[in-house]
Amino acid sequence: MLSTGCKPVARALLDFWQCDAQGQYDNEGFRLRGHQFSDASGRFVLETIVPGLYPGRTRHIHVKVQAPNQPVLTTQLYFPGEPANASDRIFDRRLTMAVQKSANLWQARFDFVLRV
């Protein structure tokens, strides 16, 4: 998490939600939803599953990001190389995570830049 001046943004609130592997959102038990704060260096780690697909959308993770006492940024993060990226009307390549895949683990990186 960085400012537009390339300084770390500590204690930024990150609120994540996504569908399950079958493309279903849990609107009753609220699984696959949660929040956390960036650390003093502006870092955060989210451990989750790869979301499934559902009609009309590509794989994505919803996120709201808010630096302390600043406006909320609501956006989505996308996976590279997804065939559905080309047909998803709201896909934005600038929001594509850098993903490394190994046998059973995917690791992704995305640097949020906030006006603070």
N, C-alpha and C. Protein backbone atom coordinates (compact mmCIF):
# COMPACT_ATOMS: atom_id res chain seq x y z
N MET A 1 0.86 -1.15 0.00
CA MET A 1 0.00 0.00 0.00
C MET A 1 0.91 1.22 0.00
N LEU A 2 0.78 2.01 -1.05
CA LEU A 2 1.65 3.18 -1.19
C LEU A 2 0.83 4.43 -1.42
N SER A 3 1.41 5.56 -1.05
CA SER A 3 0.81 6.85 -1.40
C SER A 3 1.27 7.21 -2.82
N THR A 4 0.67 8.23 -3.39
CA THR A 4 1.11 8.69 -4.72
C THR A 4 2.54 9.21 -4.66
N GLY A 5 3.05 9.52 -3.48
CA GLY A 5 4.44 9.92 -3.28
C GLY A 5 5.36 8.74 -2.99
N CYS A 6 4.87 7.51 -3.20
CA CYS A 6 5.63 6.26 -3.00
C CYS A 6 6.03 6.02 -1.55
N LYS A 7 5.25 6.53 -0.61
CA LYS A 7 5.47 6.28 0.81
C LYS A 7 4.50 5.18 1.27
N PRO A 8 4.93 4.31 2.18
CA PRO A 8 4.02 3.28 2.70
C PRO A 8 2.81 3.91 3.40
N VAL A 9 1.66 3.27 3.23
CA VAL A 9 0.44 3.71 3.92
C VAL A 9 0.14 2.68 5.01
N ALA A 10 0.43 3.04 6.24
CA ALA A 10 0.19 2.15 7.38
C ALA A 10 -1.27 2.24 7.81
N ARG A 11 -1.78 1.14 8.37
CA ARG A 11 -3.12 1.08 8.95
C ARG A 11 -4.24 1.37 7.96
N ALA A 12 -3.99 1.11 6.68
CA ALA A 12 -5.07 1.22 5.70
C ALA A 12 -6.00 0.02 5.89
N LEU A 13 -7.29 0.25 5.83
CA LEU A 13 -8.27 -0.81 5.96
C LEU A 13 -8.50 -1.45 4.60
N LEU A 14 -8.41 -2.78 4.55
CA LEU A 14 -8.71 -3.54 3.34
C LEU A 14 -9.87 -4.47 3.65
N ASP A 15 -10.91 -4.38 2.88
CA ASP A 15 -12.12 -5.19 3.06
C ASP A 15 -12.29 -6.02 1.80
N PHE A 16 -12.22 -7.36 1.93
CA PHE A 16 -12.27 -8.27 0.79
C PHE A 16 -13.55 -9.09 0.81
N TRP A 17 -14.06 -9.42 -0.38
CA TRP A 17 -15.12 -10.42 -0.50
C TRP A 17 -15.06 -11.03 -1.88
N GLN A 18 -15.51 -12.28 -1.98
CA GLN A 18 -15.44 -13.02 -3.24
C GLN A 18 -16.40 -14.20 -3.21
N CYS A 19 -16.59 -14.79 -4.38
CA CYS A 19 -17.42 -16.00 -4.47
C CYS A 19 -16.56 -17.22 -4.16
N ASP A 20 -17.23 -18.36 -3.98
CA ASP A 20 -16.53 -19.61 -3.72
C ASP A 20 -16.05 -20.23 -5.05
N ALA A 21 -15.49 -21.41 -4.98
CA ALA A 21 -14.94 -22.06 -6.17
C ALA A 21 -16.02 -22.41 -7.21
N GLN A 22 -17.29 -22.46 -6.78
CA GLN A 22 -18.39 -22.74 -7.70
C GLN A 22 -19.05 -21.46 -8.22
N GLY A 23 -18.52 -20.30 -7.88
CA GLY A 23 -19.08 -19.04 -8.36
C GLY A 23 -20.26 -18.53 -7.55
N GLN A 24 -20.41 -19.01 -6.31
CA GLN A 24 -21.53 -18.61 -5.47
C GLN A 24 -21.05 -17.71 -4.33
N TYR A 25 -21.78 -16.61 -4.11
CA TYR A 25 -21.50 -15.76 -2.95
C TYR A 25 -22.32 -16.25 -1.77
N ASP A 26 -21.75 -16.23 -0.59
CA ASP A 26 -22.44 -16.62 0.63
C ASP A 26 -23.03 -15.36 1.26
N ASN A 27 -24.31 -15.13 1.04
CA ASN A 27 -24.98 -13.94 1.57
C ASN A 27 -25.70 -14.20 2.89
N GLU A 28 -25.47 -15.37 3.47
CA GLU A 28 -26.09 -15.68 4.76
C GLU A 28 -25.03 -15.86 5.84
N GLY A 29 -24.01 -16.70 5.57
CA GLY A 29 -22.95 -16.93 6.55
C GLY A 29 -21.75 -16.03 6.34
N PHE A 30 -21.71 -15.38 5.18
CA PHE A 30 -20.66 -14.43 4.84
C PHE A 30 -19.26 -15.03 4.84
N ARG A 31 -19.17 -16.29 4.35
CA ARG A 31 -17.85 -16.89 4.15
C ARG A 31 -17.14 -16.14 3.02
N LEU A 32 -15.84 -16.20 3.01
CA LEU A 32 -14.99 -15.56 2.01
C LEU A 32 -15.17 -14.05 2.01
N ARG A 33 -15.35 -13.50 3.19
CA ARG A 33 -15.42 -12.06 3.41
C ARG A 33 -14.61 -11.74 4.66
N GLY A 34 -13.95 -10.61 4.64
CA GLY A 34 -13.20 -10.22 5.81
C GLY A 34 -12.43 -8.95 5.58
N HIS A 35 -11.82 -8.47 6.64
CA HIS A 35 -11.03 -7.24 6.52
C HIS A 35 -9.76 -7.37 7.35
N GLN A 36 -8.84 -6.47 7.05
CA GLN A 36 -7.57 -6.41 7.75
C GLN A 36 -6.99 -5.01 7.54
N PHE A 37 -5.87 -4.74 8.22
CA PHE A 37 -5.19 -3.47 8.08
C PHE A 37 -3.79 -3.70 7.53
N SER A 38 -3.30 -2.76 6.74
CA SER A 38 -1.92 -2.85 6.28
C SER A 38 -0.99 -2.62 7.49
N ASP A 39 0.21 -3.17 7.41
CA ASP A 39 1.15 -3.01 8.51
C ASP A 39 1.89 -1.66 8.39
N ALA A 40 2.87 -1.44 9.25
CA ALA A 40 3.60 -0.17 9.27
C ALA A 40 4.33 0.12 7.97
N SER A 41 4.63 -0.93 7.21
CA SER A 41 5.30 -0.78 5.92
C SER A 41 4.32 -0.77 4.75
N GLY A 42 3.02 -0.74 5.06
CA GLY A 42 2.00 -0.71 4.02
C GLY A 42 1.70 -2.07 3.42
N ARG A 43 2.19 -3.13 4.01
CA ARG A 43 2.00 -4.48 3.46
C ARG A 43 0.76 -5.14 4.04
N PHE A 44 0.24 -6.09 3.27
CA PHE A 44 -0.87 -6.93 3.73
C PHE A 44 -0.73 -8.28 3.04
N VAL A 45 -1.34 -9.30 3.64
CA VAL A 45 -1.35 -10.64 3.06
C VAL A 45 -2.76 -11.17 3.18
N LEU A 46 -3.29 -11.67 2.08
CA LEU A 46 -4.60 -12.30 2.07
C LEU A 46 -4.42 -13.74 1.63
N GLU A 47 -4.87 -14.68 2.45
CA GLU A 47 -4.84 -16.10 2.07
C GLU A 47 -6.27 -16.53 1.82
N THR A 48 -6.55 -17.00 0.60
CA THR A 48 -7.91 -17.36 0.22
C THR A 48 -7.87 -18.38 -0.90
N ILE A 49 -9.02 -18.74 -1.41
CA ILE A 49 -9.12 -19.65 -2.54
C ILE A 49 -9.18 -18.82 -3.83
N VAL A 50 -8.97 -19.48 -4.94
CA VAL A 50 -9.18 -18.83 -6.24
C VAL A 50 -10.69 -18.84 -6.48
N PRO A 51 -11.29 -17.67 -6.70
CA PRO A 51 -12.74 -17.63 -6.89
C PRO A 51 -13.16 -18.32 -8.19
N GLY A 52 -14.36 -18.87 -8.16
CA GLY A 52 -14.91 -19.51 -9.35
C GLY A 52 -15.48 -18.50 -10.33
N LEU A 53 -16.03 -19.03 -11.39
CA LEU A 53 -16.65 -18.20 -12.42
C LEU A 53 -18.16 -18.25 -12.26
N TYR A 54 -18.81 -17.18 -12.66
CA TYR A 54 -20.26 -17.19 -12.78
C TYR A 54 -20.63 -16.40 -14.03
N PRO A 55 -21.82 -16.60 -14.57
CA PRO A 55 -22.18 -16.04 -15.87
C PRO A 55 -21.92 -14.53 -15.97
N GLY A 56 -21.21 -14.15 -17.02
CA GLY A 56 -20.98 -12.75 -17.32
C GLY A 56 -19.76 -12.13 -16.68
N ARG A 57 -19.08 -12.86 -15.80
CA ARG A 57 -17.93 -12.28 -15.09
C ARG A 57 -16.70 -13.17 -15.22
N THR A 58 -15.57 -12.52 -15.13
CA THR A 58 -14.30 -13.22 -15.05
C THR A 58 -13.95 -13.41 -13.57
N ARG A 59 -12.91 -14.18 -13.29
CA ARG A 59 -12.49 -14.35 -11.89
C ARG A 59 -12.06 -13.01 -11.32
N HIS A 60 -12.48 -12.72 -10.10
CA HIS A 60 -12.13 -11.45 -9.48
C HIS A 60 -12.32 -11.53 -7.97
N ILE A 61 -11.68 -10.62 -7.28
CA ILE A 61 -11.83 -10.44 -5.84
C ILE A 61 -12.22 -8.98 -5.62
N HIS A 62 -13.30 -8.76 -4.91
CA HIS A 62 -13.74 -7.41 -4.57
C HIS A 62 -12.90 -6.89 -3.42
N VAL A 63 -12.64 -5.60 -3.43
CA VAL A 63 -11.88 -5.01 -2.33
C VAL A 63 -12.25 -3.54 -2.17
N LYS A 64 -12.35 -3.14 -0.91
CA LYS A 64 -12.45 -1.73 -0.54
C LYS A 64 -11.19 -1.41 0.23
N VAL A 65 -10.57 -0.29 -0.11
CA VAL A 65 -9.33 0.14 0.53
C VAL A 65 -9.53 1.55 1.05
N GLN A 66 -9.11 1.78 2.31
CA GLN A 66 -9.27 3.10 2.89
C GLN A 66 -8.07 3.43 3.78
N ALA A 67 -7.31 4.44 3.36
CA ALA A 67 -6.25 4.96 4.23
C ALA A 67 -6.92 5.66 5.40
N PRO A 68 -6.25 5.76 6.55
CA PRO A 68 -6.87 6.41 7.70
C PRO A 68 -7.41 7.81 7.37
N ASN A 69 -8.66 8.02 7.71
CA ASN A 69 -9.34 9.32 7.54
C ASN A 69 -9.39 9.79 6.09
N GLN A 70 -9.42 8.85 5.15
CA GLN A 70 -9.48 9.18 3.73
C GLN A 70 -10.69 8.51 3.09
N PRO A 71 -11.04 8.90 1.86
CA PRO A 71 -12.17 8.26 1.18
C PRO A 71 -11.90 6.78 0.89
N VAL A 72 -12.98 6.03 0.69
CA VAL A 72 -12.90 4.61 0.39
C VAL A 72 -12.74 4.41 -1.12
N LEU A 73 -11.81 3.56 -1.49
CA LEU A 73 -11.65 3.12 -2.87
C LEU A 73 -12.30 1.75 -2.97
N THR A 74 -13.30 1.60 -3.85
CA THR A 74 -13.95 0.30 -4.07
C THR A 74 -13.57 -0.17 -5.46
N THR A 75 -13.01 -1.38 -5.54
CA THR A 75 -12.54 -1.88 -6.83
C THR A 75 -12.56 -3.40 -6.84
N GLN A 76 -11.98 -3.98 -7.87
CA GLN A 76 -11.86 -5.43 -7.99
C GLN A 76 -10.46 -5.75 -8.48
N LEU A 77 -9.95 -6.91 -8.10
CA LEU A 77 -8.67 -7.40 -8.58
C LEU A 77 -8.92 -8.59 -9.49
N TYR A 78 -8.14 -8.65 -10.57
CA TYR A 78 -8.36 -9.67 -11.60
C TYR A 78 -7.14 -10.57 -11.75
N PHE A 79 -7.38 -11.73 -12.36
CA PHE A 79 -6.34 -12.73 -12.59
C PHE A 79 -5.88 -12.65 -14.05
N PRO A 80 -4.58 -12.73 -14.29
CA PRO A 80 -4.08 -12.66 -15.66
C PRO A 80 -4.40 -13.94 -16.44
N GLY A 81 -4.52 -13.80 -17.74
CA GLY A 81 -4.68 -14.96 -18.61
C GLY A 81 -6.03 -15.63 -18.57
N GLU A 82 -6.99 -15.05 -17.92
CA GLU A 82 -8.33 -15.64 -17.85
C GLU A 82 -9.06 -15.40 -19.18
N PRO A 83 -9.58 -16.44 -19.80
CA PRO A 83 -10.31 -16.25 -21.06
C PRO A 83 -11.48 -15.28 -20.93
N ALA A 84 -12.15 -15.27 -19.78
CA ALA A 84 -13.31 -14.41 -19.61
C ALA A 84 -12.95 -12.93 -19.42
N ASN A 85 -11.66 -12.61 -19.25
CA ASN A 85 -11.26 -11.20 -19.15
C ASN A 85 -11.71 -10.43 -20.39
N ALA A 86 -11.61 -11.04 -21.55
CA ALA A 86 -11.92 -10.37 -22.82
C ALA A 86 -13.40 -10.04 -22.96
N SER A 87 -14.27 -10.78 -22.29
CA SER A 87 -15.71 -10.56 -22.46
C SER A 87 -16.38 -9.90 -21.25
N ASP A 88 -15.64 -9.70 -20.17
CA ASP A 88 -16.19 -9.06 -18.98
C ASP A 88 -16.21 -7.55 -19.21
N ARG A 89 -17.39 -6.95 -19.21
CA ARG A 89 -17.54 -5.53 -19.55
C ARG A 89 -16.86 -4.59 -18.57
N ILE A 90 -16.62 -5.03 -17.33
CA ILE A 90 -15.98 -4.11 -16.38
C ILE A 90 -14.54 -4.49 -16.04
N PHE A 91 -14.01 -5.51 -16.71
CA PHE A 91 -12.61 -5.88 -16.52
C PHE A 91 -11.72 -4.69 -16.86
N ASP A 92 -10.70 -4.45 -16.04
CA ASP A 92 -9.74 -3.38 -16.27
C ASP A 92 -8.35 -3.98 -16.09
N ARG A 93 -7.59 -4.05 -17.16
CA ARG A 93 -6.28 -4.71 -17.11
C ARG A 93 -5.34 -4.08 -16.08
N ARG A 94 -5.55 -2.80 -15.75
CA ARG A 94 -4.70 -2.13 -14.75
C ARG A 94 -4.89 -2.72 -13.36
N LEU A 95 -5.97 -3.48 -13.17
CA LEU A 95 -6.27 -4.08 -11.88
C LEU A 95 -5.94 -5.58 -11.85
N THR A 96 -5.11 -6.01 -12.79
CA THR A 96 -4.70 -7.41 -12.87
C THR A 96 -3.54 -7.66 -11.92
N MET A 97 -3.68 -8.68 -11.10
CA MET A 97 -2.63 -9.04 -10.15
C MET A 97 -1.48 -9.74 -10.88
N ALA A 98 -0.29 -9.62 -10.34
CA ALA A 98 0.85 -10.40 -10.81
C ALA A 98 0.76 -11.74 -10.09
N VAL A 99 0.60 -12.82 -10.83
CA VAL A 99 0.36 -14.14 -10.22
C VAL A 99 1.46 -15.11 -10.60
N GLN A 100 1.94 -15.85 -9.61
CA GLN A 100 2.87 -16.95 -9.82
C GLN A 100 2.18 -18.22 -9.38
N LYS A 101 2.22 -19.24 -10.25
CA LYS A 101 1.55 -20.51 -9.93
C LYS A 101 2.60 -21.58 -9.69
N SER A 102 2.38 -22.36 -8.62
CA SER A 102 3.15 -23.57 -8.39
C SER A 102 2.15 -24.72 -8.33
N ALA A 103 2.57 -25.88 -7.93
CA ALA A 103 1.71 -27.06 -7.97
C ALA A 103 0.33 -26.83 -7.36
N ASN A 104 0.24 -26.49 -6.10
CA ASN A 104 -1.05 -26.32 -5.42
C ASN A 104 -1.24 -24.93 -4.84
N LEU A 105 -0.39 -23.98 -5.22
CA LEU A 105 -0.44 -22.67 -4.60
C LEU A 105 -0.27 -21.59 -5.67
N TRP A 106 -1.10 -20.60 -5.57
CA TRP A 106 -0.93 -19.41 -6.39
C TRP A 106 -0.56 -18.28 -5.45
N GLN A 107 0.39 -17.47 -5.85
CA GLN A 107 0.75 -16.28 -5.09
C GLN A 107 0.55 -15.07 -5.99
N ALA A 108 -0.13 -14.08 -5.46
CA ALA A 108 -0.43 -12.89 -6.26
C ALA A 108 0.08 -11.65 -5.55
N ARG A 109 0.34 -10.63 -6.34
CA ARG A 109 0.80 -9.36 -5.80
C ARG A 109 0.05 -8.23 -6.50
N PHE A 110 -0.31 -7.23 -5.70
CA PHE A 110 -0.90 -6.03 -6.26
C PHE A 110 -0.56 -4.87 -5.34
N ASP A 111 -0.08 -3.78 -5.91
CA ASP A 111 0.28 -2.60 -5.14
C ASP A 111 -0.81 -1.55 -5.31
N PHE A 112 -1.54 -1.29 -4.26
CA PHE A 112 -2.51 -0.20 -4.27
C PHE A 112 -1.76 1.12 -4.10
N VAL A 113 -2.16 2.13 -4.83
CA VAL A 113 -1.58 3.47 -4.69
C VAL A 113 -2.73 4.40 -4.36
N LEU A 114 -2.62 5.05 -3.20
CA LEU A 114 -3.70 5.88 -2.69
C LEU A 114 -3.29 7.34 -2.59
N ARG A 115 -4.25 8.21 -2.82
CA ARG A 115 -4.03 9.65 -2.58
C ARG A 115 -4.28 9.90 -1.10
N VAL A 116 -3.22 10.26 -0.39
CA VAL A 116 -3.35 10.54 1.05
C VAL A 116 -2.74 11.88 1.39
